[in-house]
Amino acid sequence: MQARFRLRIGDDPEGSLGPGKVALLEAIGETGSISAAGRKLGMSYRRAWLLVDALNRAFSQPLVTTVTGGREGGGSALTSAGGDVVRRYRRIEAMATAATAKEIDALQKMMQD
């Protein structure tokens, strides 16, 4: 079993940034839709929308923009701030994983004994 490092920034569950919210942002960037992103991640549209709303309120600039549906259909997109948040989070995560790999490995070996 490979140990995983999970990074969460912030102590308020509503306003924190962690792997689930970052995955949702990435999925919105890939699909152009909150509902499609939610389906991709196995969550309801309502849950995905609530997470996007919480993210947009937690940051000084919105991370996701939405266009209301209609004849042309709706959609969502990451803002430049949203893309920046994803890139920075993934960079921090990679740096933290690399810095802690030896200790995580040691702990994992102790758990298997």
PDB file of N, CA and C in Angstrom:
ATOM      1  N   MET A   1       0.845  -1.179   0.000  1.00  0.00           N
ATOM      2  CA  MET A   1       0.000   0.000   0.000  1.00  0.00           C
ATOM      3  C   MET A   1       0.896   1.250   0.000  1.00  0.00           C
ATOM      4  N   GLN A   2       0.668   2.121  -0.938  1.00  0.00           N
ATOM      5  CA  GLN A   2       1.448   3.355  -1.055  1.00  0.00           C
ATOM      6  C   GLN A   2       0.812   4.445  -0.181  1.00  0.00           C
ATOM      7  N   ALA A   3       1.583   5.002   0.716  1.00  0.00           N
ATOM      8  CA  ALA A   3       1.088   6.083   1.571  1.00  0.00           C
ATOM      9  C   ALA A   3       0.940   7.344   0.736  1.00  0.00           C
ATOM     10  N   ARG A   4      -0.073   8.118   1.049  1.00  0.00           N
ATOM     11  CA  ARG A   4      -0.313   9.371   0.339  1.00  0.00           C
ATOM     12  C   ARG A   4      -0.228  10.522   1.317  1.00  0.00           C
ATOM     13  N   PHE A   5       0.341  11.586   0.842  1.00  0.00           N
ATOM     14  CA  PHE A   5       0.399  12.827   1.597  1.00  0.00           C
ATOM     15  C   PHE A   5      -0.801  13.653   1.165  1.00  0.00           C
ATOM     16  N   ARG A   6      -1.643  14.079   2.122  1.00  0.00           N
ATOM     17  CA  ARG A   6      -2.822  14.885   1.802  1.00  0.00           C
ATOM     18  C   ARG A   6      -2.648  16.264   2.428  1.00  0.00           C
ATOM     19  N   LEU A   7      -2.674  17.254   1.591  1.00  0.00           N
ATOM     20  CA  LEU A   7      -2.449  18.623   2.019  1.00  0.00           C
ATOM     21  C   LEU A   7      -3.772  19.362   2.142  1.00  0.00           C
ATOM     22  N   ARG A   8      -3.987  19.997   3.275  1.00  0.00           N
ATOM     23  CA  ARG A   8      -5.167  20.837   3.481  1.00  0.00           C
ATOM     24  C   ARG A   8      -4.667  22.179   3.993  1.00  0.00           C
ATOM     25  N   ILE A   9      -5.104  23.236   3.330  1.00  0.00           N
ATOM     26  CA  ILE A   9      -4.691  24.583   3.707  1.00  0.00           C
ATOM     27  C   ILE A   9      -5.896  25.295   4.309  1.00  0.00           C
ATOM     28  N   GLY A  10      -5.727  25.770   5.538  1.00  0.00           N
ATOM     29  CA  GLY A  10      -6.804  26.434   6.262  1.00  0.00           C
ATOM     30  C   GLY A  10      -7.402  25.516   7.301  1.00  0.00           C
ATOM     31  N   ASP A  11      -7.991  26.090   8.321  1.00  0.00           N
ATOM     32  CA  ASP A  11      -8.569  25.269   9.390  1.00  0.00           C
ATOM     33  C   ASP A  11     -10.094  25.321   9.427  1.00  0.00           C
ATOM     34  N   ASP A  12     -10.699  26.148   8.596  1.00  0.00           N
ATOM     35  CA  ASP A  12     -12.153  26.223   8.495  1.00  0.00           C
ATOM     36  C   ASP A  12     -12.601  25.268   7.392  1.00  0.00           C
ATOM     37  N   PRO A  13     -13.358  24.209   7.709  1.00  0.00           N
ATOM     38  CA  PRO A  13     -13.747  23.248   6.674  1.00  0.00           C
ATOM     39  C   PRO A  13     -14.445  23.908   5.472  1.00  0.00           C
ATOM     40  N   GLU A  14     -15.214  24.921   5.731  1.00  0.00           N
ATOM     41  CA  GLU A  14     -15.911  25.624   4.648  1.00  0.00           C
ATOM     42  C   GLU A  14     -14.931  26.361   3.745  1.00  0.00           C
ATOM     43  N   GLY A  15     -13.937  27.002   4.337  1.00  0.00           N
ATOM     44  CA  GLY A  15     -13.023  27.831   3.565  1.00  0.00           C
ATOM     45  C   GLY A  15     -11.672  27.207   3.307  1.00  0.00           C
ATOM     46  N   SER A  16     -11.479  25.952   3.694  1.00  0.00           N
ATOM     47  CA  SER A  16     -10.174  25.333   3.488  1.00  0.00           C
ATOM     48  C   SER A  16     -10.027  24.848   2.049  1.00  0.00           C
ATOM     49  N   LEU A  17      -8.785  24.614   1.678  1.00  0.00           N
ATOM     50  CA  LEU A  17      -8.476  24.108   0.348  1.00  0.00           C
ATOM     51  C   LEU A  17      -7.767  22.782   0.514  1.00  0.00           C
ATOM     52  N   GLY A  18      -8.327  21.750  -0.071  1.00  0.00           N
ATOM     53  CA  GLY A  18      -7.746  20.429   0.045  1.00  0.00           C
ATOM     54  C   GLY A  18      -7.867  19.657  -1.249  1.00  0.00           C
ATOM     55  N   PRO A  19      -7.523  18.378  -1.216  1.00  0.00           N
ATOM     56  CA  PRO A  19      -7.477  17.585  -2.445  1.00  0.00           C
ATOM     57  C   PRO A  19      -8.814  17.473  -3.170  1.00  0.00           C
ATOM     58  N   GLY A  20      -9.905  17.398  -2.441  1.00  0.00           N
ATOM     59  CA  GLY A  20     -11.213  17.273  -3.077  1.00  0.00           C
ATOM     60  C   GLY A  20     -11.622  18.529  -3.835  1.00  0.00           C
ATOM     61  N   LYS A  21     -11.421  19.668  -3.223  1.00  0.00           N
ATOM     62  CA  LYS A  21     -11.785  20.926  -3.879  1.00  0.00           C
ATOM     63  C   LYS A  21     -10.873  21.207  -5.069  1.00  0.00           C
ATOM     64  N   VAL A  22      -9.595  20.866  -4.942  1.00  0.00           N
ATOM     65  CA  VAL A  22      -8.677  21.070  -6.059  1.00  0.00           C
ATOM     66  C   VAL A  22      -9.044  20.132  -7.208  1.00  0.00           C
ATOM     67  N   ALA A  23      -9.409  18.893  -6.893  1.00  0.00           N
ATOM     68  CA  ALA A  23      -9.842  17.959  -7.936  1.00  0.00           C
ATOM     69  C   ALA A  23     -11.094  18.485  -8.637  1.00  0.00           C
ATOM     70  N   LEU A  24     -11.998  19.094  -7.879  1.00  0.00           N
ATOM     71  CA  LEU A  24     -13.201  19.679  -8.477  1.00  0.00           C
ATOM     72  C   LEU A  24     -12.824  20.826  -9.411  1.00  0.00           C
ATOM     73  N   LEU A  25     -11.932  21.695  -8.980  1.00  0.00           N
ATOM     74  CA  LEU A  25     -11.479  22.783  -9.855  1.00  0.00           C
ATOM     75  C   LEU A  25     -10.858  22.227 -11.135  1.00  0.00           C
ATOM     76  N   GLU A  26     -10.021  21.207 -11.000  1.00  0.00           N
ATOM     77  CA  GLU A  26      -9.405  20.602 -12.182  1.00  0.00           C
ATOM     78  C   GLU A  26     -10.459  20.018 -13.120  1.00  0.00           C
ATOM     79  N   ALA A  27     -11.459  19.347 -12.547  1.00  0.00           N
ATOM     80  CA  ALA A  27     -12.515  18.739 -13.358  1.00  0.00           C
ATOM     81  C   ALA A  27     -13.360  19.809 -14.064  1.00  0.00           C
ATOM     82  N   ILE A  28     -13.605  20.919 -13.397  1.00  0.00           N
ATOM     83  CA  ILE A  28     -14.335  22.025 -14.040  1.00  0.00           C
ATOM     84  C   ILE A  28     -13.509  22.564 -15.202  1.00  0.00           C
ATOM     85  N   GLY A  29     -12.210  22.701 -14.998  1.00  0.00           N
ATOM     86  CA  GLY A  29     -11.334  23.156 -16.065  1.00  0.00           C
ATOM     87  C   GLY A  29     -11.354  22.209 -17.260  1.00  0.00           C
ATOM     88  N   GLU A  30     -11.446  20.910 -16.996  1.00  0.00           N
ATOM     89  CA  GLU A  30     -11.445  19.905 -18.063  1.00  0.00           C
ATOM     90  C   GLU A  30     -12.795  19.814 -18.775  1.00  0.00           C
ATOM     91  N   THR A  31     -13.893  19.909 -18.006  1.00  0.00           N
ATOM     92  CA  THR A  31     -15.221  19.659 -18.575  1.00  0.00           C
ATOM     93  C   THR A  31     -15.975  20.928 -18.969  1.00  0.00           C
ATOM     94  N   GLY A  32     -15.612  22.067 -18.366  1.00  0.00           N
ATOM     95  CA  GLY A  32     -16.344  23.300 -18.626  1.00  0.00           C
ATOM     96  C   GLY A  32     -17.718  23.329 -18.004  1.00  0.00           C
ATOM     97  N   SER A  33     -17.923  22.508 -16.977  1.00  0.00           N
ATOM     98  CA  SER A  33     -19.254  22.383 -16.380  1.00  0.00           C
ATOM     99  C   SER A  33     -19.146  21.913 -14.935  1.00  0.00           C
ATOM    100  N   ILE A  34     -19.899  22.560 -14.060  1.00  0.00           N
ATOM    101  CA  ILE A  34     -19.936  22.116 -12.660  1.00  0.00           C
ATOM    102  C   ILE A  34     -20.619  20.764 -12.573  1.00  0.00           C
ATOM    103  N   SER A  35     -21.731  20.586 -13.295  1.00  0.00           N
ATOM    104  CA  SER A  35     -22.453  19.312 -13.209  1.00  0.00           C
ATOM    105  C   SER A  35     -21.619  18.165 -13.774  1.00  0.00           C
ATOM    106  N   ALA A  36     -20.947  18.374 -14.909  1.00  0.00           N
ATOM    107  CA  ALA A  36     -20.099  17.313 -15.482  1.00  0.00           C
ATOM    108  C   ALA A  36     -18.915  17.017 -14.558  1.00  0.00           C
ATOM    109  N   ALA A  37     -18.352  18.054 -13.959  1.00  0.00           N
ATOM    110  CA  ALA A  37     -17.242  17.853 -13.020  1.00  0.00           C
ATOM    111  C   ALA A  37     -17.716  17.044 -11.822  1.00  0.00           C
ATOM    112  N   GLY A  38     -18.886  17.381 -11.305  1.00  0.00           N
ATOM    113  CA  GLY A  38     -19.447  16.625 -10.185  1.00  0.00           C
ATOM    114  C   GLY A  38     -19.662  15.165 -10.538  1.00  0.00           C
ATOM    115  N   ARG A  39     -20.245  14.917 -11.712  1.00  0.00           N
ATOM    116  CA  ARG A  39     -20.457  13.528 -12.157  1.00  0.00           C
ATOM    117  C   ARG A  39     -19.132  12.786 -12.270  1.00  0.00           C
ATOM    118  N   LYS A  40     -18.146  13.450 -12.829  1.00  0.00           N
ATOM    119  CA  LYS A  40     -16.821  12.834 -12.990  1.00  0.00           C
ATOM    120  C   LYS A  40     -16.240  12.402 -11.645  1.00  0.00           C
ATOM    121  N   LEU A  41     -16.531  13.193 -10.603  1.00  0.00           N
ATOM    122  CA  LEU A  41     -15.987  12.911  -9.270  1.00  0.00           C
ATOM    123  C   LEU A  41     -16.957  12.147  -8.377  1.00  0.00           C
ATOM    124  N   GLY A  42     -18.123  11.780  -8.928  1.00  0.00           N
ATOM    125  CA  GLY A  42     -19.097  11.004  -8.151  1.00  0.00           C
ATOM    126  C   GLY A  42     -19.838  11.814  -7.112  1.00  0.00           C
ATOM    127  N   MET A  43     -20.057  13.092  -7.386  1.00  0.00           N
ATOM    128  CA  MET A  43     -20.815  13.914  -6.438  1.00  0.00           C
ATOM    129  C   MET A  43     -21.992  14.561  -7.149  1.00  0.00           C
ATOM    130  N   SER A  44     -22.969  14.940  -6.377  1.00  0.00           N
ATOM    131  CA  SER A  44     -24.159  15.574  -6.944  1.00  0.00           C
ATOM    132  C   SER A  44     -23.823  16.984  -7.430  1.00  0.00           C
ATOM    133  N   TYR A  45     -24.668  17.485  -8.325  1.00  0.00           N
ATOM    134  CA  TYR A  45     -24.501  18.857  -8.795  1.00  0.00           C
ATOM    135  C   TYR A  45     -24.567  19.809  -7.614  1.00  0.00           C
ATOM    136  N   ARG A  46     -25.526  19.585  -6.701  1.00  0.00           N
ATOM    137  CA  ARG A  46     -25.684  20.489  -5.552  1.00  0.00           C
ATOM    138  C   ARG A  46     -24.409  20.533  -4.712  1.00  0.00           C
ATOM    139  N   ARG A  47     -23.823  19.379  -4.431  1.00  0.00           N
ATOM    140  CA  ARG A  47     -22.593  19.326  -3.632  1.00  0.00           C
ATOM    141  C   ARG A  47     -21.465  20.063  -4.352  1.00  0.00           C
ATOM    142  N   ALA A  48     -21.339  19.811  -5.655  1.00  0.00           N
ATOM    143  CA  ALA A  48     -20.289  20.482  -6.434  1.00  0.00           C
ATOM    144  C   ALA A  48     -20.514  21.992  -6.431  1.00  0.00           C
ATOM    145  N   TRP A  49     -21.756  22.411  -6.619  1.00  0.00           N
ATOM    146  CA  TRP A  49     -22.060  23.844  -6.656  1.00  0.00           C
ATOM    147  C   TRP A  49     -21.760  24.486  -5.305  1.00  0.00           C
ATOM    148  N   LEU A  50     -22.121  23.817  -4.214  1.00  0.00           N
ATOM    149  CA  LEU A  50     -21.842  24.358  -2.878  1.00  0.00           C
ATOM    150  C   LEU A  50     -20.344  24.497  -2.637  1.00  0.00           C
ATOM    151  N   LEU A  51     -19.559  23.538  -3.106  1.00  0.00           N
ATOM    152  CA  LEU A  51     -18.102  23.628  -2.950  1.00  0.00           C
ATOM    153  C   LEU A  51     -17.540  24.779  -3.774  1.00  0.00           C
ATOM    154  N   VAL A  52     -18.034  24.952  -4.994  1.00  0.00           N
ATOM    155  CA  VAL A  52     -17.579  26.073  -5.830  1.00  0.00           C
ATOM    156  C   VAL A  52     -17.940  27.396  -5.171  1.00  0.00           C
ATOM    157  N   ASP A  53     -19.150  27.481  -4.641  1.00  0.00           N
ATOM    158  CA  ASP A  53     -19.575  28.707  -3.965  1.00  0.00           C
ATOM    159  C   ASP A  53     -18.671  29.000  -2.765  1.00  0.00           C
ATOM    160  N   ALA A  54     -18.360  27.971  -1.988  1.00  0.00           N
ATOM    161  CA  ALA A  54     -17.473  28.152  -0.825  1.00  0.00           C
ATOM    162  C   ALA A  54     -16.083  28.603  -1.270  1.00  0.00           C
ATOM    163  N   LEU A  55     -15.565  28.024  -2.343  1.00  0.00           N
ATOM    164  CA  LEU A  55     -14.261  28.430  -2.855  1.00  0.00           C
ATOM    165  C   LEU A  55     -14.279  29.877  -3.329  1.00  0.00           C
ATOM    166  N   ASN A  56     -15.303  30.243  -4.056  1.00  0.00           N
ATOM    167  CA  ASN A  56     -15.390  31.616  -4.560  1.00  0.00           C
ATOM    168  C   ASN A  56     -15.487  32.629  -3.419  1.00  0.00           C
ATOM    169  N   ARG A  57     -16.131  32.242  -2.320  1.00  0.00           N
ATOM    170  CA  ARG A  57     -16.236  33.141  -1.172  1.00  0.00           C
ATOM    171  C   ARG A  57     -14.956  33.175  -0.342  1.00  0.00           C
ATOM    172  N   ALA A  58     -14.182  32.082  -0.369  1.00  0.00           N
ATOM    173  CA  ALA A  58     -12.979  31.989   0.462  1.00  0.00           C
ATOM    174  C   ALA A  58     -11.810  32.789  -0.100  1.00  0.00           C
ATOM    175  N   PHE A  59     -11.815  33.037  -1.400  1.00  0.00           N
ATOM    176  CA  PHE A  59     -10.706  33.735  -2.037  1.00  0.00           C
ATOM    177  C   PHE A  59     -11.115  35.159  -2.402  1.00  0.00           C
ATOM    178  N   SER A  60     -10.131  36.028  -2.517  1.00  0.00           N
ATOM    179  CA  SER A  60     -10.415  37.435  -2.808  1.00  0.00           C
ATOM    180  C   SER A  60     -10.927  37.637  -4.236  1.00  0.00           C
ATOM    181  N   GLN A  61     -10.629  36.695  -5.121  1.00  0.00           N
ATOM    182  CA  GLN A  61     -11.137  36.723  -6.491  1.00  0.00           C
ATOM    183  C   GLN A  61     -11.836  35.398  -6.759  1.00  0.00           C
ATOM    184  N   PRO A  62     -12.899  35.396  -7.560  1.00  0.00           N
ATOM    185  CA  PRO A  62     -13.571  34.124  -7.855  1.00  0.00           C
ATOM    186  C   PRO A  62     -12.633  33.163  -8.581  1.00  0.00           C
ATOM    187  N   LEU A  63     -12.779  31.880  -8.273  1.00  0.00           N
ATOM    188  CA  LEU A  63     -11.968  30.855  -8.912  1.00  0.00           C
ATOM    189  C   LEU A  63     -12.695  30.224 -10.098  1.00  0.00           C
ATOM    190  N   VAL A  64     -14.030  30.312 -10.070  1.00  0.00           N
ATOM    191  CA  VAL A  64     -14.862  29.725 -11.115  1.00  0.00           C
ATOM    192  C   VAL A  64     -15.897  30.746 -11.538  1.00  0.00           C
ATOM    193  N   THR A  65     -16.093  30.878 -12.846  1.00  0.00           N
ATOM    194  CA  THR A  65     -17.180  31.707 -13.363  1.00  0.00           C
ATOM    195  C   THR A  65     -18.227  30.784 -13.966  1.00  0.00           C
ATOM    196  N   THR A  66     -19.471  31.231 -13.939  1.00  0.00           N
ATOM    197  CA  THR A  66     -20.558  30.433 -14.497  1.00  0.00           C
ATOM    198  C   THR A  66     -21.372  31.279 -15.462  1.00  0.00           C
ATOM    199  N   VAL A  67     -21.931  30.596 -16.459  1.00  0.00           N
ATOM    200  CA  VAL A  67     -22.855  31.211 -17.406  1.00  0.00           C
ATOM    201  C   VAL A  67     -24.146  30.424 -17.307  1.00  0.00           C
ATOM    202  N   THR A  68     -25.250  31.117 -17.063  1.00  0.00           N
ATOM    203  CA  THR A  68     -26.545  30.465 -16.900  1.00  0.00           C
ATOM    204  C   THR A  68     -26.955  29.794 -18.202  1.00  0.00           C
ATOM    205  N   GLY A  69     -27.579  28.621 -18.077  1.00  0.00           N
ATOM    206  CA  GLY A  69     -28.039  27.871 -19.245  1.00  0.00           C
ATOM    207  C   GLY A  69     -29.112  28.610 -20.018  1.00  0.00           C
ATOM    208  N   GLY A  70     -29.468  28.074 -21.112  1.00  0.00           N
ATOM    209  CA  GLY A  70     -30.461  28.654 -22.004  1.00  0.00           C
ATOM    210  C   GLY A  70     -30.358  27.951 -23.329  1.00  0.00           C
ATOM    211  N   ARG A  71     -30.702  28.642 -24.388  1.00  0.00           N
ATOM    212  CA  ARG A  71     -30.668  28.041 -25.721  1.00  0.00           C
ATOM    213  C   ARG A  71     -29.266  27.529 -26.068  1.00  0.00           C
ATOM    214  N   GLU A  72     -28.261  28.312 -25.742  1.00  0.00           N
ATOM    215  CA  GLU A  72     -26.874  27.931 -26.023  1.00  0.00           C
ATOM    216  C   GLU A  72     -26.288  27.032 -24.940  1.00  0.00           C
ATOM    217  N   GLY A  73     -26.991  26.854 -23.855  1.00  0.00           N
ATOM    218  CA  GLY A  73     -26.488  26.052 -22.745  1.00  0.00           C
ATOM    219  C   GLY A  73     -25.608  26.884 -21.828  1.00  0.00           C
ATOM    220  N   GLY A  74     -25.448  26.410 -20.632  1.00  0.00           N
ATOM    221  CA  GLY A  74     -24.619  27.120 -19.671  1.00  0.00           C
ATOM    222  C   GLY A  74     -23.214  26.584 -19.675  1.00  0.00           C
ATOM    223  N   GLY A  75     -22.494  26.932 -18.659  1.00  0.00           N
ATOM    224  CA  GLY A  75     -21.138  26.422 -18.548  1.00  0.00           C
ATOM    225  C   GLY A  75     -20.404  27.086 -17.412  1.00  0.00           C
ATOM    226  N   SER A  76     -19.251  26.572 -17.151  1.00  0.00           N
ATOM    227  CA  SER A  76     -18.392  27.094 -16.092  1.00  0.00           C
ATOM    228  C   SER A  76     -16.955  27.041 -16.571  1.00  0.00           C
ATOM    229  N   ALA A  77     -16.149  27.903 -16.016  1.00  0.00           N
ATOM    230  CA  ALA A  77     -14.738  27.929 -16.374  1.00  0.00           C
ATOM    231  C   ALA A  77     -13.914  28.378 -15.185  1.00  0.00           C
ATOM    232  N   LEU A  78     -12.678  27.919 -15.123  1.00  0.00           N
ATOM    233  CA  LEU A  78     -11.750  28.426 -14.131  1.00  0.00           C
ATOM    234  C   LEU A  78     -11.324  29.823 -14.545  1.00  0.00           C
ATOM    235  N   THR A  79     -11.248  30.707 -13.589  1.00  0.00           N
ATOM    236  CA  THR A  79     -10.679  32.020 -13.850  1.00  0.00           C
ATOM    237  C   THR A  79      -9.160  31.876 -13.822  1.00  0.00           C
ATOM    238  N   SER A  80      -8.461  32.943 -14.160  1.00  0.00           N
ATOM    239  CA  SER A  80      -6.998  32.872 -14.063  1.00  0.00           C
ATOM    240  C   SER A  80      -6.584  32.625 -12.614  1.00  0.00           C
ATOM    241  N   ALA A  81      -7.330  33.204 -11.664  1.00  0.00           N
ATOM    242  CA  ALA A  81      -7.036  32.955 -10.243  1.00  0.00           C
ATOM    243  C   ALA A  81      -7.269  31.491  -9.901  1.00  0.00           C
ATOM    244  N   GLY A  82      -8.324  30.887 -10.465  1.00  0.00           N
ATOM    245  CA  GLY A  82      -8.602  29.474 -10.225  1.00  0.00           C
ATOM    246  C   GLY A  82      -7.489  28.583 -10.737  1.00  0.00           C
ATOM    247  N   GLY A  83      -7.011  28.871 -11.945  1.00  0.00           N
ATOM    248  CA  GLY A  83      -5.893  28.108 -12.498  1.00  0.00           C
ATOM    249  C   GLY A  83      -4.639  28.270 -11.667  1.00  0.00           C
ATOM    250  N   ASP A  84      -4.414  29.484 -11.187  1.00  0.00           N
ATOM    251  CA  ASP A  84      -3.243  29.760 -10.353  1.00  0.00           C
ATOM    252  C   ASP A  84      -3.324  28.994  -9.033  1.00  0.00           C
ATOM    253  N   VAL A  85      -4.512  28.953  -8.431  1.00  0.00           N
ATOM    254  CA  VAL A  85      -4.693  28.220  -7.174  1.00  0.00           C
ATOM    255  C   VAL A  85      -4.381  26.743  -7.387  1.00  0.00           C
ATOM    256  N   VAL A  86      -4.894  26.153  -8.467  1.00  0.00           N
ATOM    257  CA  VAL A  86      -4.633  24.735  -8.745  1.00  0.00           C
ATOM    258  C   VAL A  86      -3.141  24.492  -8.927  1.00  0.00           C
ATOM    259  N   ARG A  87      -2.488  25.301  -9.737  1.00  0.00           N
ATOM    260  CA  ARG A  87      -1.045  25.121  -9.979  1.00  0.00           C
ATOM    261  C   ARG A  87      -0.242  25.256  -8.686  1.00  0.00           C
ATOM    262  N   ARG A  88      -0.544  26.276  -7.894  1.00  0.00           N
ATOM    263  CA  ARG A  88       0.193  26.473  -6.646  1.00  0.00           C
ATOM    264  C   ARG A  88      -0.036  25.328  -5.670  1.00  0.00           C
ATOM    265  N   TYR A  89      -1.287  24.880  -5.546  1.00  0.00           N
ATOM    266  CA  TYR A  89      -1.607  23.774  -4.647  1.00  0.00           C
ATOM    267  C   TYR A  89      -0.824  22.525  -5.062  1.00  0.00           C
ATOM    268  N   ARG A  90      -0.852  22.191  -6.342  1.00  0.00           N
ATOM    269  CA  ARG A  90      -0.158  20.990  -6.825  1.00  0.00           C
ATOM    270  C   ARG A  90       1.354  21.115  -6.633  1.00  0.00           C
ATOM    271  N   ARG A  91       1.890  22.309  -6.807  1.00  0.00           N
ATOM    272  CA  ARG A  91       3.332  22.515  -6.572  1.00  0.00           C
ATOM    273  C   ARG A  91       3.665  22.311  -5.097  1.00  0.00           C
ATOM    274  N   ILE A  92       2.874  22.911  -4.208  1.00  0.00           N
ATOM    275  CA  ILE A  92       3.094  22.753  -2.761  1.00  0.00           C
ATOM    276  C   ILE A  92       2.974  21.279  -2.383  1.00  0.00           C
ATOM    277  N   GLU A  93       1.970  20.614  -2.913  1.00  0.00           N
ATOM    278  CA  GLU A  93       1.755  19.199  -2.626  1.00  0.00           C
ATOM    279  C   GLU A  93       2.962  18.361  -3.054  1.00  0.00           C
ATOM    280  N   ALA A  94       3.489  18.621  -4.245  1.00  0.00           N
ATOM    281  CA  ALA A  94       4.653  17.870  -4.736  1.00  0.00           C
ATOM    282  C   ALA A  94       5.881  18.145  -3.871  1.00  0.00           C
ATOM    283  N   MET A  95       6.076  19.405  -3.502  1.00  0.00           N
ATOM    284  CA  MET A  95       7.219  19.758  -2.661  1.00  0.00           C
ATOM    285  C   MET A  95       7.109  19.106  -1.283  1.00  0.00           C
ATOM    286  N   ALA A  96       5.922  19.137  -0.703  1.00  0.00           N
ATOM    287  CA  ALA A  96       5.719  18.556   0.625  1.00  0.00           C
ATOM    288  C   ALA A  96       5.870  17.039   0.578  1.00  0.00           C
ATOM    289  N   THR A  97       5.367  16.424  -0.475  1.00  0.00           N
ATOM    290  CA  THR A  97       5.499  14.972  -0.627  1.00  0.00           C
ATOM    291  C   THR A  97       6.966  14.580  -0.723  1.00  0.00           C
ATOM    292  N   ALA A  98       7.720  15.311  -1.529  1.00  0.00           N
ATOM    293  CA  ALA A  98       9.146  15.008  -1.678  1.00  0.00           C
ATOM    294  C   ALA A  98       9.890  15.210  -0.362  1.00  0.00           C
ATOM    295  N   ALA A  99       9.563  16.270   0.348  1.00  0.00           N
ATOM    296  CA  ALA A  99      10.265  16.590   1.589  1.00  0.00           C
ATOM    297  C   ALA A  99       9.952  15.597   2.708  1.00  0.00           C
ATOM    298  N   THR A 100       8.791  14.973   2.646  1.00  0.00           N
ATOM    299  CA  THR A 100       8.372  14.082   3.734  1.00  0.00           C
ATOM    300  C   THR A 100       8.435  12.605   3.361  1.00  0.00           C
ATOM    301  N   ALA A 101       8.839  12.273   2.148  1.00  0.00           N
ATOM    302  CA  ALA A 101       8.792  10.888   1.662  1.00  0.00           C
ATOM    303  C   ALA A 101       9.519   9.913   2.576  1.00  0.00           C
ATOM    304  N   LYS A 102      10.713  10.273   3.027  1.00  0.00           N
ATOM    305  CA  LYS A 102      11.500   9.365   3.870  1.00  0.00           C
ATOM    306  C   LYS A 102      10.775   9.072   5.186  1.00  0.00           C
ATOM    307  N   GLU A 103      10.231  10.096   5.811  1.00  0.00           N
ATOM    308  CA  GLU A 103       9.540   9.910   7.093  1.00  0.00           C
ATOM    309  C   GLU A 103       8.223   9.164   6.912  1.00  0.00           C
ATOM    310  N   ILE A 104       7.510   9.457   5.838  1.00  0.00           N
ATOM    311  CA  ILE A 104       6.260   8.735   5.567  1.00  0.00           C
ATOM    312  C   ILE A 104       6.556   7.265   5.330  1.00  0.00           C
ATOM    313  N   ASP A 105       7.610   6.974   4.573  1.00  0.00           N
ATOM    314  CA  ASP A 105       8.012   5.596   4.318  1.00  0.00           C
ATOM    315  C   ASP A 105       8.348   4.882   5.623  1.00  0.00           C
ATOM    316  N   ALA A 106       9.082   5.562   6.500  1.00  0.00           N
ATOM    317  CA  ALA A 106       9.446   4.968   7.791  1.00  0.00           C
ATOM    318  C   ALA A 106       8.195   4.670   8.622  1.00  0.00           C
ATOM    319  N   LEU A 107       7.275   5.597   8.653  1.00  0.00           N
ATOM    320  CA  LEU A 107       6.031   5.383   9.407  1.00  0.00           C
ATOM    321  C   LEU A 107       5.233   4.216   8.806  1.00  0.00           C
ATOM    322  N   GLN A 108       5.176   4.178   7.495  1.00  0.00           N
ATOM    323  CA  GLN A 108       4.435   3.109   6.841  1.00  0.00           C
ATOM    324  C   GLN A 108       5.042   1.746   7.160  1.00  0.00           C
ATOM    325  N   LYS A 109       6.364   1.658   7.177  1.00  0.00           N
ATOM    326  CA  LYS A 109       7.022   0.392   7.513  1.00  0.00           C
ATOM    327  C   LYS A 109       6.732   0.020   8.958  1.00  0.00           C
ATOM    328  N   MET A 110       6.687   0.997   9.843  1.00  0.00           N
ATOM    329  CA  MET A 110       6.376   0.720  11.249  1.00  0.00           C
ATOM    330  C   MET A 110       4.941   0.207  11.387  1.00  0.00           C
ATOM    331  N   MET A 111       4.042   0.705  10.568  1.00  0.00           N
ATOM    332  CA  MET A 111       2.630   0.300  10.629  1.00  0.00           C
ATOM    333  C   MET A 111       2.454  -1.133  10.141  1.00  0.00           C
ATOM    334  N   GLN A 112       3.306  -1.586   9.241  1.00  0.00           N
ATOM    335  CA  GLN A 112       3.182  -2.933   8.682  1.00  0.00           C
ATOM    336  C   GLN A 112       3.786  -3.998   9.594  1.00  0.00           C
ATOM    337  N   ASP A 113       4.647  -3.588  10.517  1.00  0.00           N
ATOM    338  CA  ASP A 113       5.297  -4.559  11.410  1.00  0.00           C
ATOM    339  C   ASP A 113       4.349  -5.121  12.421  1.00  0.00           C
TER     340      ASP A 113
END
